[in-house]
């Protein structure tokens, strides 16, 4: 029938348009599909539109492809870069670990070689300190001895009785002039040739009962310079002077006290030499101790620096070994993950509708 032909053609056109407008055709029934993105359509493959689908795919193969998610693409790229990085890091770390082991062994050897030097320096410092302490003890003993001599000197002056010496009949030829010459030298800082008995008696014993003279003798300082020849001559005259002025077995205490006074100066001279020697020994010992202490400090500083360096290298070595262990554990898993083709969920498979398709 001619009247049926237009109807059939119209029906076919309607079916095509319905398929293009996101209508799913199944078993000669038309049902409205669920909404999907505006430019994307999911096609089933019913027998009645298979020809249409094949024709459409053949006509626009360049516009239709399977889409993978951006995440999967980025993941593969990241895995590839990570695997490459870890492989290189693994090789580098192994080399670094071996190098660190060598450097640690070298530093340990340096410490070991430095130990004898450090021990020797410590022993030298200890020995030098001992010498310094001993020298200081001797210096103190010598100064204490001088202090005692000063007490003995003042005690000797206290025993001199003014009347006993002012009443002496001294002549130029008497040996006793030697002791008075020395006392005049100490009290008034006069030279030996400036002494004579009469002048001395008026100056020292002629007024205030000799108080100023006796005080001057007490204030004399063992450290001040004096004429040693006058001292030696005074001490040497003791025997003759005592023989001249001590008669009938009667001792002159004042005369003997003056000689005791002179003898303290002789003892002080020896003590001052001891003090000078002791002070020089202390100074030398302190200088030696200072130099050896500096040397020890330098050795200790070097020792500490090497120990600090060793600690850092050991920590670095431990860190490298931890990283290497982590890398070795990660590599197999990462490699396996990279070689496994990711499964793309069905919902990620899309056929993108070409903008060239007829609407």
C-alpha atoms as a PDB file:
ATOM      1  CA  UNK A   1       0.000   0.000   0.000  1.00  0.00           C
ATOM      2  CA  UNK A   2       1.303   3.339  -0.906  1.00  0.00           C
ATOM      3  CA  UNK A   3      -0.293   4.900   2.077  1.00  0.00           C
ATOM      4  CA  UNK A   4       1.870   2.677   4.362  1.00  0.00           C
ATOM      5  CA  UNK A   5       5.213   3.607   3.013  1.00  0.00           C
ATOM      6  CA  UNK A   6       5.409   7.124   4.369  1.00  0.00           C
ATOM      7  CA  UNK A   7       4.335   5.840   7.752  1.00  0.00           C
ATOM      8  CA  UNK A   8       7.170   3.255   7.907  1.00  0.00           C
ATOM      9  CA  UNK A   9       9.805   5.765   6.860  1.00  0.00           C
ATOM     10  CA  UNK A  10       8.566   8.202   9.425  1.00  0.00           C
ATOM     11  CA  UNK A  11       8.817   5.551  12.123  1.00  0.00           C
ATOM     12  CA  UNK A  12      12.427   4.724  11.252  1.00  0.00           C
ATOM     13  CA  UNK A  13      13.418   8.344  11.293  1.00  0.00           C
ATOM     14  CA  UNK A  14      11.739   8.734  14.645  1.00  0.00           C
ATOM     15  CA  UNK A  15      13.708   5.791  16.039  1.00  0.00           C
ATOM     16  CA  UNK A  16      17.023   7.259  14.898  1.00  0.00           C
ATOM     17  CA  UNK A  17      16.197  10.604  16.397  1.00  0.00           C
ATOM     18  CA  UNK A  18      15.189   8.961  19.644  1.00  0.00           C
ATOM     19  CA  UNK A  19      18.531   7.110  19.768  1.00  0.00           C
ATOM     20  CA  UNK A  20      20.365  10.342  19.169  1.00  0.00           C
ATOM     21  CA  UNK A  21      18.372  12.060  21.903  1.00  0.00           C
ATOM     22  CA  UNK A  22      19.579   9.681  24.592  1.00  0.00           C
ATOM     23  CA  UNK A  23      16.832   7.081  24.208  1.00  0.00           C
ATOM     24  CA  UNK A  24      17.688   3.421  24.854  1.00  0.00           C
ATOM     25  CA  UNK A  25      15.899   0.995  22.510  1.00  0.00           C
ATOM     26  CA  UNK A  26      15.470  -2.615  23.720  1.00  0.00           C
ATOM     27  CA  UNK A  27      13.234  -5.459  22.457  1.00  0.00           C
ATOM     28  CA  UNK A  28      11.114  -3.111  20.236  1.00  0.00           C
ATOM     29  CA  UNK A  29      10.164  -1.044  23.334  1.00  0.00           C
ATOM     30  CA  UNK A  30      11.219   2.505  24.024  1.00  0.00           C
ATOM     31  CA  UNK A  31      12.019   3.545  27.629  1.00  0.00           C
ATOM     32  CA  UNK A  32      13.470   6.856  28.873  1.00  0.00           C
ATOM     33  CA  UNK A  33      17.144   6.374  30.115  1.00  0.00           C
ATOM     34  CA  UNK A  34      18.685   7.884  33.279  1.00  0.00           C
ATOM     35  CA  UNK A  35      20.248  11.377  32.876  1.00  0.00           C
ATOM     36  CA  UNK A  36      23.939  11.452  31.894  1.00  0.00           C
ATOM     37  CA  UNK A  37      26.348  14.313  31.118  1.00  0.00           C
ATOM     38  CA  UNK A  38      25.270  16.542  28.254  1.00  0.00           C
ATOM     39  CA  UNK A  39      28.078  15.539  25.918  1.00  0.00           C
ATOM     40  CA  UNK A  40      28.327  11.871  26.893  1.00  0.00           C
ATOM     41  CA  UNK A  41      26.119   8.929  26.021  1.00  0.00           C
ATOM     42  CA  UNK A  42      26.223   5.296  27.108  1.00  0.00           C
ATOM     43  CA  UNK A  43      25.209   2.878  24.394  1.00  0.00           C
ATOM     44  CA  UNK A  44      24.126  -0.667  24.854  1.00  0.00           C
ATOM     45  CA  UNK A  45      24.257  -2.968  21.898  1.00  0.00           C
ATOM     46  CA  UNK A  46      20.749  -4.213  21.057  1.00  0.00           C
ATOM     47  CA  UNK A  47      20.430  -6.084  17.787  1.00  0.00           C
ATOM     48  CA  UNK A  48      18.174  -3.509  16.186  1.00  0.00           C
ATOM     49  CA  UNK A  49      20.718  -0.641  16.402  1.00  0.00           C
ATOM     50  CA  UNK A  50      23.945  -2.643  16.009  1.00  0.00           C
ATOM     51  CA  UNK A  51      24.196  -1.644  12.347  1.00  0.00           C
ATOM     52  CA  UNK A  52      23.737   1.998  13.250  1.00  0.00           C
ATOM     53  CA  UNK A  53      26.402   1.808  15.958  1.00  0.00           C
ATOM     54  CA  UNK A  54      28.980   0.112  13.732  1.00  0.00           C
ATOM     55  CA  UNK A  55      28.284   2.631  11.009  1.00  0.00           C
ATOM     56  CA  UNK A  56      28.710   5.533  13.411  1.00  0.00           C
ATOM     57  CA  UNK A  57      31.971   4.178  14.865  1.00  0.00           C
ATOM     58  CA  UNK A  58      33.391   3.563  11.404  1.00  0.00           C
ATOM     59  CA  UNK A  59      32.572   7.059  10.346  1.00  0.00           C
ATOM     60  CA  UNK A  60      34.092   8.855  13.359  1.00  0.00           C
ATOM     61  CA  UNK A  61      36.840   6.622  14.803  1.00  0.00           C
ATOM     62  CA  UNK A  62      39.004   9.657  15.580  1.00  0.00           C
ATOM     63  CA  UNK A  63      36.322  11.170  17.802  1.00  0.00           C
ATOM     64  CA  UNK A  64      35.664   8.144  19.979  1.00  0.00           C
ATOM     65  CA  UNK A  65      38.134   6.718  22.518  1.00  0.00           C
ATOM     66  CA  UNK A  66      38.256   5.087  25.938  1.00  0.00           C
ATOM     67  CA  UNK A  67      38.964   7.715  28.574  1.00  0.00           C
ATOM     68  CA  UNK A  68      41.068   6.979  31.639  1.00  0.00           C
ATOM     69  CA  UNK A  69      40.872   9.179  34.713  1.00  0.00           C
ATOM     70  CA  UNK A  70      43.512  11.853  35.241  1.00  0.00           C
ATOM     71  CA  UNK A  71      44.386  10.221  38.543  1.00  0.00           C
ATOM     72  CA  UNK A  72      45.469   6.974  36.873  1.00  0.00           C
ATOM     73  CA  UNK A  73      47.590   8.813  34.353  1.00  0.00           C
ATOM     74  CA  UNK A  74      49.296  10.898  37.042  1.00  0.00           C
ATOM     75  CA  UNK A  75      49.739   7.837  39.211  1.00  0.00           C
ATOM     76  CA  UNK A  76      51.605   5.969  36.504  1.00  0.00           C
ATOM     77  CA  UNK A  77      53.840   8.962  35.869  1.00  0.00           C
ATOM     78  CA  UNK A  78      54.507   9.369  39.607  1.00  0.00           C
ATOM     79  CA  UNK A  79      55.244   5.665  40.030  1.00  0.00           C
ATOM     80  CA  UNK A  80      57.664   5.706  37.126  1.00  0.00           C
ATOM     81  CA  UNK A  81      59.520   8.747  38.454  1.00  0.00           C
ATOM     82  CA  UNK A  82      59.479   7.402  42.003  1.00  0.00           C
ATOM     83  CA  UNK A  83      60.808   4.037  40.945  1.00  0.00           C
ATOM     84  CA  UNK A  84      63.581   5.658  38.961  1.00  0.00           C
ATOM     85  CA  UNK A  85      64.441   7.959  41.864  1.00  0.00           C
ATOM     86  CA  UNK A  86      64.461   5.136  44.393  1.00  0.00           C
ATOM     87  CA  UNK A  87      66.662   2.973  42.163  1.00  0.00           C
ATOM     88  CA  UNK A  88      69.172   5.786  41.840  1.00  0.00           C
ATOM     89  CA  UNK A  89      68.888   6.588  45.556  1.00  0.00           C
ATOM     90  CA  UNK A  90      69.461   2.950  46.422  1.00  0.00           C
ATOM     91  CA  UNK A  91      72.687   2.828  44.452  1.00  0.00           C
ATOM     92  CA  UNK A  92      73.809   6.206  45.772  1.00  0.00           C
ATOM     93  CA  UNK A  93      73.043   5.267  49.373  1.00  0.00           C
ATOM     94  CA  UNK A  94      74.998   2.058  49.114  1.00  0.00           C
ATOM     95  CA  UNK A  95      78.013   4.007  47.871  1.00  0.00           C
ATOM     96  CA  UNK A  96      77.504   6.658  50.551  1.00  0.00           C
ATOM     97  CA  UNK A  97      77.215   4.065  53.299  1.00  0.00           C
ATOM     98  CA  UNK A  98      80.447   2.433  52.243  1.00  0.00           C
ATOM     99  CA  UNK A  99      82.144   5.822  52.084  1.00  0.00           C
ATOM    100  CA  UNK A 100      80.794   6.764  55.530  1.00  0.00           C
ATOM    101  CA  UNK A 101      82.067   3.492  56.957  1.00  0.00           C
ATOM    102  CA  UNK A 102      85.527   4.280  55.615  1.00  0.00           C
ATOM    103  CA  UNK A 103      85.442   7.802  57.046  1.00  0.00           C
ATOM    104  CA  UNK A 104      84.178   6.550  60.417  1.00  0.00           C
ATOM    105  CA  UNK A 105      87.012   4.017  60.508  1.00  0.00           C
ATOM    106  CA  UNK A 106      89.485   6.760  59.607  1.00  0.00           C
ATOM    107  CA  UNK A 107      88.177   9.058  62.362  1.00  0.00           C
ATOM    108  CA  UNK A 108      88.311   6.223  64.899  1.00  0.00           C
ATOM    109  CA  UNK A 109      91.924   5.614  63.878  1.00  0.00           C
ATOM    110  CA  UNK A 110      92.684   9.324  64.368  1.00  0.00           C
ATOM    111  CA  UNK A 111      91.211   9.170  67.860  1.00  0.00           C
ATOM    112  CA  UNK A 112      93.217   6.073  68.658  1.00  0.00           C
ATOM    113  CA  UNK A 113      96.442   7.662  67.407  1.00  0.00           C
ATOM    114  CA  UNK A 114      95.711  10.812  69.413  1.00  0.00           C
ATOM    115  CA  UNK A 115      95.229   8.974  72.714  1.00  0.00           C
ATOM    116  CA  UNK A 116      98.983   8.521  73.473  1.00  0.00           C
ATOM    117  CA  UNK A 117      99.608  12.206  72.728  1.00  0.00           C
ATOM    118  CA  UNK A 118      96.749  13.205  75.003  1.00  0.00           C
ATOM    119  CA  UNK A 119      97.941  10.903  77.769  1.00  0.00           C
ATOM    120  CA  UNK A 120     101.501  12.212  77.512  1.00  0.00           C
ATOM    121  CA  UNK A 121     100.283  15.822  77.620  1.00  0.00           C
ATOM    122  CA  UNK A 122      98.181  15.061  80.699  1.00  0.00           C
ATOM    123  CA  UNK A 123     101.166  13.453  82.421  1.00  0.00           C
ATOM    124  CA  UNK A 124     103.383  16.430  81.572  1.00  0.00           C
ATOM    125  CA  UNK A 125     100.808  18.861  82.936  1.00  0.00           C
ATOM    126  CA  UNK A 126     100.497  16.819  86.131  1.00  0.00           C
ATOM    127  CA  UNK A 127     104.298  16.700  86.564  1.00  0.00           C
ATOM    128  CA  UNK A 128     104.633  20.415  85.855  1.00  0.00           C
ATOM    129  CA  UNK A 129     101.865  21.213  88.322  1.00  0.00           C
ATOM    130  CA  UNK A 130     103.623  19.110  90.945  1.00  0.00           C
ATOM    131  CA  UNK A 131     106.870  21.024  90.392  1.00  0.00           C
ATOM    132  CA  UNK A 132     104.987  24.298  90.555  1.00  0.00           C
ATOM    133  CA  UNK A 133     103.341  23.302  93.830  1.00  0.00           C
ATOM    134  CA  UNK A 134     106.671  22.226  95.295  1.00  0.00           C
ATOM    135  CA  UNK A 135     108.312  25.498  94.252  1.00  0.00           C
ATOM    136  CA  UNK A 136     105.486  27.490  95.816  1.00  0.00           C
ATOM    137  CA  UNK A 137     105.837  25.506  99.048  1.00  0.00           C
ATOM    138  CA  UNK A 138     109.570  26.252  99.169  1.00  0.00           C
ATOM    139  CA  UNK A 139     108.927  29.930  98.462  1.00  0.00           C
ATOM    140  CA  UNK A 140     106.384  30.059 101.259  1.00  0.00           C
ATOM    141  CA  UNK A 141     108.751  28.296 103.650  1.00  0.00           C
ATOM    142  CA  UNK A 142     111.518  30.746 102.809  1.00  0.00           C
ATOM    143  CA  UNK A 143     109.216  33.723 103.351  1.00  0.00           C
ATOM    144  CA  UNK A 144     107.997  32.255 106.635  1.00  0.00           C
ATOM    145  CA  UNK A 145     111.640  31.866 107.645  1.00  0.00           C
ATOM    146  CA  UNK A 146     112.273  35.507 106.819  1.00  0.00           C
ATOM    147  CA  UNK A 147     109.256  36.498 108.899  1.00  0.00           C
ATOM    148  CA  UNK A 148     110.706  34.576 111.851  1.00  0.00           C
ATOM    149  CA  UNK A 149     114.055  36.288 111.365  1.00  0.00           C
ATOM    150  CA  UNK A 150     112.292  39.659 111.467  1.00  0.00           C
ATOM    151  CA  UNK A 151     110.768  38.649 114.802  1.00  0.00           C
ATOM    152  CA  UNK A 152     114.203  37.588 116.074  1.00  0.00           C
ATOM    153  CA  UNK A 153     115.679  40.887 114.888  1.00  0.00           C
ATOM    154  CA  UNK A 154     113.095  42.915 116.802  1.00  0.00           C
ATOM    155  CA  UNK A 155     113.514  40.702 119.829  1.00  0.00           C
ATOM    156  CA  UNK A 156     117.257  41.347 119.753  1.00  0.00           C
ATOM    157  CA  UNK A 157     116.667  45.120 119.671  1.00  0.00           C
ATOM    158  CA  UNK A 158     114.343  44.804 122.651  1.00  0.00           C
ATOM    159  CA  UNK A 159     117.191  43.215 124.650  1.00  0.00           C
ATOM    160  CA  UNK A 160     119.538  46.136 124.085  1.00  0.00           C
ATOM    161  CA  UNK A 161     119.621  48.273 127.257  1.00  0.00           C
ATOM    162  CA  UNK A 162     120.433  51.914 126.672  1.00  0.00           C
ATOM    163  CA  UNK A 163     122.578  52.342 129.813  1.00  0.00           C
ATOM    164  CA  UNK A 164     124.652  49.276 129.067  1.00  0.00           C
ATOM    165  CA  UNK A 165     125.843  50.514 125.695  1.00  0.00           C
ATOM    166  CA  UNK A 166     125.917  54.250 126.331  1.00  0.00           C
ATOM    167  CA  UNK A 167     128.295  53.713 129.260  1.00  0.00           C
ATOM    168  CA  UNK A 168     130.850  51.739 127.225  1.00  0.00           C
ATOM    169  CA  UNK A 169     134.330  53.204 126.933  1.00  0.00           C
ATOM    170  CA  UNK A 170     135.050  52.610 123.261  1.00  0.00           C
ATOM    171  CA  UNK A 171     138.342  53.454 121.641  1.00  0.00           C
ATOM    172  CA  UNK A 172     139.206  53.555 117.959  1.00  0.00           C
ATOM    173  CA  UNK A 173     141.297  50.384 118.257  1.00  0.00           C
ATOM    174  CA  UNK A 174     138.514  48.323 119.898  1.00  0.00           C
ATOM    175  CA  UNK A 175     136.928  45.546 117.845  1.00  0.00           C
ATOM    176  CA  UNK A 176     133.515  46.642 119.082  1.00  0.00           C
ATOM    177  CA  UNK A 177     133.639  49.561 116.631  1.00  0.00           C
ATOM    178  CA  UNK A 178     132.809  47.122 113.821  1.00  0.00           C
ATOM    179  CA  UNK A 179     129.372  46.301 115.253  1.00  0.00           C
ATOM    180  CA  UNK A 180     128.550  49.957 115.935  1.00  0.00           C
ATOM    181  CA  UNK A 181     129.719  50.885 112.422  1.00  0.00           C
ATOM    182  CA  UNK A 182     127.255  48.333 110.969  1.00  0.00           C
ATOM    183  CA  UNK A 183     124.386  49.524 113.209  1.00  0.00           C
ATOM    184  CA  UNK A 184     125.087  53.136 112.200  1.00  0.00           C
ATOM    185  CA  UNK A 185     124.966  52.047 108.549  1.00  0.00           C
ATOM    186  CA  UNK A 186     121.607  50.267 109.003  1.00  0.00           C
ATOM    187  CA  UNK A 187     119.920  52.954 111.154  1.00  0.00           C
ATOM    188  CA  UNK A 188     121.111  56.051 109.277  1.00  0.00           C
ATOM    189  CA  UNK A 189     122.199  54.644 105.895  1.00  0.00           C
ATOM    190  CA  UNK A 190     125.731  55.995 106.387  1.00  0.00           C
ATOM    191  CA  UNK A 191     128.835  54.551 104.786  1.00  0.00           C
ATOM    192  CA  UNK A 192     131.455  52.777 106.869  1.00  0.00           C
ATOM    193  CA  UNK A 193     133.963  55.616 106.645  1.00  0.00           C
ATOM    194  CA  UNK A 194     131.425  58.086 107.974  1.00  0.00           C
ATOM    195  CA  UNK A 195     131.379  56.362 111.347  1.00  0.00           C
ATOM    196  CA  UNK A 196     133.217  57.347 114.506  1.00  0.00           C
ATOM    197  CA  UNK A 197     132.260  56.490 118.054  1.00  0.00           C
ATOM    198  CA  UNK A 198     131.833  59.984 119.439  1.00  0.00           C
ATOM    199  CA  UNK A 199     129.583  61.131 116.602  1.00  0.00           C
ATOM    200  CA  UNK A 200     127.585  57.931 116.714  1.00  0.00           C
ATOM    201  CA  UNK A 201     127.144  58.202 120.495  1.00  0.00           C
ATOM    202  CA  UNK A 202     125.828  61.762 120.243  1.00  0.00           C
ATOM    203  CA  UNK A 203     123.480  60.946 117.321  1.00  0.00           C
ATOM    204  CA  UNK A 204     122.167  57.573 118.427  1.00  0.00           C
ATOM    205  CA  UNK A 205     122.565  57.564 122.203  1.00  0.00           C
ATOM    206  CA  UNK A 206     122.806  61.221 123.162  1.00  0.00           C
ATOM    207  CA  UNK A 207     119.081  62.007 123.240  1.00  0.00           C
ATOM    208  CA  UNK A 208     115.712  60.356 123.973  1.00  0.00           C
ATOM    209  CA  UNK A 209     117.594  57.425 125.583  1.00  0.00           C
ATOM    210  CA  UNK A 210     118.213  55.946 122.142  1.00  0.00           C
ATOM    211  CA  UNK A 211     114.486  55.440 121.400  1.00  0.00           C
ATOM    212  CA  UNK A 212     114.755  56.760 117.823  1.00  0.00           C
ATOM    213  CA  UNK A 213     117.854  54.657 117.203  1.00  0.00           C
ATOM    214  CA  UNK A 214     116.234  51.467 118.493  1.00  0.00           C
ATOM    215  CA  UNK A 215     113.095  52.109 116.448  1.00  0.00           C
ATOM    216  CA  UNK A 216     115.162  52.578 113.312  1.00  0.00           C
ATOM    217  CA  UNK A 217     116.853  49.227 113.977  1.00  0.00           C
ATOM    218  CA  UNK A 218     113.453  47.544 114.279  1.00  0.00           C
ATOM    219  CA  UNK A 219     112.166  49.148 111.088  1.00  0.00           C
ATOM    220  CA  UNK A 220     115.116  47.958 109.047  1.00  0.00           C
ATOM    221  CA  UNK A 221     114.100  45.857 106.064  1.00  0.00           C
ATOM    222  CA  UNK A 222     116.024  42.723 105.168  1.00  0.00           C
ATOM    223  CA  UNK A 223     115.225  43.404 101.565  1.00  0.00           C
ATOM    224  CA  UNK A 224     116.831  46.833 101.456  1.00  0.00           C
ATOM    225  CA  UNK A 225     120.390  46.989 100.101  1.00  0.00           C
ATOM    226  CA  UNK A 226     123.181  47.236 102.625  1.00  0.00           C
ATOM    227  CA  UNK A 227     126.959  46.828 102.741  1.00  0.00           C
ATOM    228  CA  UNK A 228     127.658  43.137 103.156  1.00  0.00           C
ATOM    229  CA  UNK A 229     131.316  43.808 103.993  1.00  0.00           C
ATOM    230  CA  UNK A 230     130.305  45.865 106.994  1.00  0.00           C
ATOM    231  CA  UNK A 231     128.000  43.068 108.110  1.00  0.00           C
ATOM    232  CA  UNK A 232     130.670  40.391 107.745  1.00  0.00           C
ATOM    233  CA  UNK A 233     133.232  42.512 109.577  1.00  0.00           C
ATOM    234  CA  UNK A 234     130.782  43.123 112.419  1.00  0.00           C
ATOM    235  CA  UNK A 235     129.970  39.463 112.866  1.00  0.00           C
ATOM    236  CA  UNK A 236     133.663  38.532 112.648  1.00  0.00           C
ATOM    237  CA  UNK A 237     134.522  40.947 115.484  1.00  0.00           C
ATOM    238  CA  UNK A 238     132.183  39.269 117.950  1.00  0.00           C
ATOM    239  CA  UNK A 239     134.743  37.085 119.689  1.00  0.00           C
ATOM    240  CA  UNK A 240     137.294  39.888 120.214  1.00  0.00           C
ATOM    241  CA  UNK A 241     134.644  42.420 121.239  1.00  0.00           C
ATOM    242  CA  UNK A 242     133.186  40.106 123.858  1.00  0.00           C
ATOM    243  CA  UNK A 243     136.693  39.383 125.151  1.00  0.00           C
ATOM    244  CA  UNK A 244     137.382  43.100 125.500  1.00  0.00           C
ATOM    245  CA  UNK A 245     134.182  44.124 127.286  1.00  0.00           C
ATOM    246  CA  UNK A 246     133.149  41.011 129.187  1.00  0.00           C
ATOM    247  CA  UNK A 247     135.405  40.598 132.251  1.00  0.00           C
ATOM    248  CA  UNK A 248     135.260  38.454 135.292  1.00  0.00           C
ATOM    249  CA  UNK A 249     132.854  36.010 133.535  1.00  0.00           C
ATOM    250  CA  UNK A 250     130.133  38.645 133.472  1.00  0.00           C
ATOM    251  CA  UNK A 251     128.204  38.699 130.184  1.00  0.00           C
ATOM    252  CA  UNK A 252     127.064  41.919 128.539  1.00  0.00           C
ATOM    253  CA  UNK A 253     123.519  41.079 127.357  1.00  0.00           C
ATOM    254  CA  UNK A 254     123.159  44.272 125.353  1.00  0.00           C
ATOM    255  CA  UNK A 255     126.414  43.672 123.515  1.00  0.00           C
ATOM    256  CA  UNK A 256     125.433  40.104 122.724  1.00  0.00           C
ATOM    257  CA  UNK A 257     121.970  41.304 121.574  1.00  0.00           C
ATOM    258  CA  UNK A 258     123.628  43.658 119.056  1.00  0.00           C
ATOM    259  CA  UNK A 259     125.553  40.759 117.576  1.00  0.00           C
ATOM    260  CA  UNK A 260     122.379  38.649 117.506  1.00  0.00           C
ATOM    261  CA  UNK A 261     120.816  41.517 115.573  1.00  0.00           C
ATOM    262  CA  UNK A 262     123.657  41.489 113.020  1.00  0.00           C
ATOM    263  CA  UNK A 263     123.465  37.724 112.650  1.00  0.00           C
ATOM    264  CA  UNK A 264     119.789  37.935 111.702  1.00  0.00           C
ATOM    265  CA  UNK A 265     120.898  39.954 108.681  1.00  0.00           C
ATOM    266  CA  UNK A 266     123.339  37.218 107.722  1.00  0.00           C
ATOM    267  CA  UNK A 267     120.616  34.597 108.010  1.00  0.00           C
ATOM    268  CA  UNK A 268     118.206  36.863 106.125  1.00  0.00           C
ATOM    269  CA  UNK A 269     120.700  37.191 103.282  1.00  0.00           C
ATOM    270  CA  UNK A 270     120.699  33.425 102.855  1.00  0.00           C
ATOM    271  CA  UNK A 271     116.929  33.330 103.224  1.00  0.00           C
ATOM    272  CA  UNK A 272     116.460  36.087 100.674  1.00  0.00           C
ATOM    273  CA  UNK A 273     118.526  34.053  98.247  1.00  0.00           C
ATOM    274  CA  UNK A 274     116.281  31.070  98.942  1.00  0.00           C
ATOM    275  CA  UNK A 275     113.228  33.248  98.347  1.00  0.00           C
ATOM    276  CA  UNK A 276     114.653  34.597  95.089  1.00  0.00           C
ATOM    277  CA  UNK A 277     115.525  31.096  93.906  1.00  0.00           C
ATOM    278  CA  UNK A 278     112.112  29.836  94.977  1.00  0.00           C
ATOM    279  CA  UNK A 279     110.328  32.713  93.240  1.00  0.00           C
ATOM    280  CA  UNK A 280     112.296  32.052  90.074  1.00  0.00           C
ATOM    281  CA  UNK A 281     111.456  28.367  90.330  1.00  0.00           C
ATOM    282  CA  UNK A 282     107.767  29.203  90.810  1.00  0.00           C
ATOM    283  CA  UNK A 283     107.781  31.553  87.827  1.00  0.00           C
ATOM    284  CA  UNK A 284     109.534  28.984  85.664  1.00  0.00           C
ATOM    285  CA  UNK A 285     107.215  26.205  86.843  1.00  0.00           C
ATOM    286  CA  UNK A 286     104.139  28.350  86.202  1.00  0.00           C
ATOM    287  CA  UNK A 287     105.343  29.220  82.716  1.00  0.00           C
ATOM    288  CA  UNK A 288     106.058  25.565  81.992  1.00  0.00           C
ATOM    289  CA  UNK A 289     102.672  24.607  83.414  1.00  0.00           C
ATOM    290  CA  UNK A 290     100.962  27.255  81.327  1.00  0.00           C
ATOM    291  CA  UNK A 291     102.657  26.094  78.122  1.00  0.00           C
ATOM    292  CA  UNK A 292     101.936  22.442  78.806  1.00  0.00           C
ATOM    293  CA  UNK A 293      98.345  23.239  79.777  1.00  0.00           C
ATOM    294  CA  UNK A 294      97.880  25.072  76.480  1.00  0.00           C
ATOM    295  CA  UNK A 295      99.358  22.098  74.644  1.00  0.00           C
ATOM    296  CA  UNK A 296      97.004  19.767  76.495  1.00  0.00           C
ATOM    297  CA  UNK A 297      94.023  22.014  75.785  1.00  0.00           C
ATOM    298  CA  UNK A 298      94.906  21.946  72.119  1.00  0.00           C
ATOM    299  CA  UNK A 299      95.100  18.162  72.162  1.00  0.00           C
ATOM    300  CA  UNK A 300      91.827  17.921  74.104  1.00  0.00           C
ATOM    301  CA  UNK A 301      90.172  20.368  71.703  1.00  0.00           C
ATOM    302  CA  UNK A 302      91.331  18.291  68.750  1.00  0.00           C
ATOM    303  CA  UNK A 303      90.161  15.149  70.518  1.00  0.00           C
ATOM    304  CA  UNK A 304      86.720  16.647  71.178  1.00  0.00           C
ATOM    305  CA  UNK A 305      86.425  17.884  67.603  1.00  0.00           C
ATOM    306  CA  UNK A 306      87.227  14.424  66.275  1.00  0.00           C
ATOM    307  CA  UNK A 307      84.726  12.856  68.696  1.00  0.00           C
ATOM    308  CA  UNK A 308      82.036  15.322  67.607  1.00  0.00           C
ATOM    309  CA  UNK A 309      82.809  14.607  63.970  1.00  0.00           C
ATOM    310  CA  UNK A 310      82.664  10.885  64.671  1.00  0.00           C
ATOM    311  CA  UNK A 311      79.264  11.266  66.363  1.00  0.00           C
ATOM    312  CA  UNK A 312      77.901  13.180  63.352  1.00  0.00           C
ATOM    313  CA  UNK A 313      79.238  10.622  60.893  1.00  0.00           C
ATOM    314  CA  UNK A 314      77.787   7.735  62.914  1.00  0.00           C
ATOM    315  CA  UNK A 315      74.377   9.415  63.018  1.00  0.00           C
ATOM    316  CA  UNK A 316      74.585  10.127  59.303  1.00  0.00           C
ATOM    317  CA  UNK A 317      75.608   6.534  58.640  1.00  0.00           C
ATOM    318  CA  UNK A 318      72.674   5.256  60.720  1.00  0.00           C
ATOM    319  CA  UNK A 319      70.307   7.560  58.843  1.00  0.00           C
ATOM    320  CA  UNK A 320      71.641   6.347  55.488  1.00  0.00           C
ATOM    321  CA  UNK A 321      71.199   2.743  56.559  1.00  0.00           C
ATOM    322  CA  UNK A 322      67.609   3.449  57.649  1.00  0.00           C
ATOM    323  CA  UNK A 323      66.878   5.160  54.350  1.00  0.00           C
ATOM    324  CA  UNK A 324      68.490   2.303  52.459  1.00  0.00           C
ATOM    325  CA  UNK A 325      66.405  -0.244  54.360  1.00  0.00           C
ATOM    326  CA  UNK A 326      63.251   1.731  53.562  1.00  0.00           C
ATOM    327  CA  UNK A 327      64.217   1.988  49.907  1.00  0.00           C
ATOM    328  CA  UNK A 328      64.927  -1.740  49.663  1.00  0.00           C
ATOM    329  CA  UNK A 329      61.547  -2.486  51.240  1.00  0.00           C
ATOM    330  CA  UNK A 330      59.724  -0.012  48.990  1.00  0.00           C
ATOM    331  CA  UNK A 331      61.338  -0.896  45.669  1.00  0.00           C
ATOM    332  CA  UNK A 332      59.737  -4.359  45.186  1.00  0.00           C
ATOM    333  CA  UNK A 333      56.275  -3.132  46.101  1.00  0.00           C
ATOM    334  CA  UNK A 334      56.544  -0.044  43.927  1.00  0.00           C
ATOM    335  CA  UNK A 335      57.925  -2.058  41.005  1.00  0.00           C
ATOM    336  CA  UNK A 336      55.116  -4.593  41.340  1.00  0.00           C
ATOM    337  CA  UNK A 337      52.512  -1.852  41.466  1.00  0.00           C
ATOM    338  CA  UNK A 338      53.964  -0.192  38.394  1.00  0.00           C
ATOM    339  CA  UNK A 339      53.910  -3.427  36.379  1.00  0.00           C
ATOM    340  CA  UNK A 340      50.282  -4.144  37.268  1.00  0.00           C
ATOM    341  CA  UNK A 341      47.884  -2.660  34.729  1.00  0.00           C
ATOM    342  CA  UNK A 342      45.283  -0.679  36.661  1.00  0.00           C
ATOM    343  CA  UNK A 343      41.694  -1.828  36.262  1.00  0.00           C
ATOM    344  CA  UNK A 344      39.477   0.946  34.988  1.00  0.00           C
ATOM    345  CA  UNK A 345      35.987   0.853  36.508  1.00  0.00           C
ATOM    346  CA  UNK A 346      33.107   0.499  34.045  1.00  0.00           C
ATOM    347  CA  UNK A 347      31.777   3.855  35.138  1.00  0.00           C
ATOM    348  CA  UNK A 348      34.980   5.454  33.851  1.00  0.00           C
ATOM    349  CA  UNK A 349      34.456   4.079  30.311  1.00  0.00           C
ATOM    350  CA  UNK A 350      32.791   6.700  28.190  1.00  0.00           C
ATOM    351  CA  UNK A 351      32.144   7.211  24.515  1.00  0.00           C
ATOM    352  CA  UNK A 352      32.410  10.882  23.828  1.00  0.00           C
ATOM    353  CA  UNK A 353      29.802  12.073  21.356  1.00  0.00           C
ATOM    354  CA  UNK A 354      31.365  13.782  18.396  1.00  0.00           C
ATOM    355  CA  UNK A 355      30.166  17.296  17.809  1.00  0.00           C
ATOM    356  CA  UNK A 356      29.908  16.268  14.127  1.00  0.00           C
ATOM    357  CA  UNK A 357      27.096  13.797  14.738  1.00  0.00           C
ATOM    358  CA  UNK A 358      23.713  14.949  13.484  1.00  0.00           C
ATOM    359  CA  UNK A 359      21.416  16.204  16.172  1.00  0.00           C
END
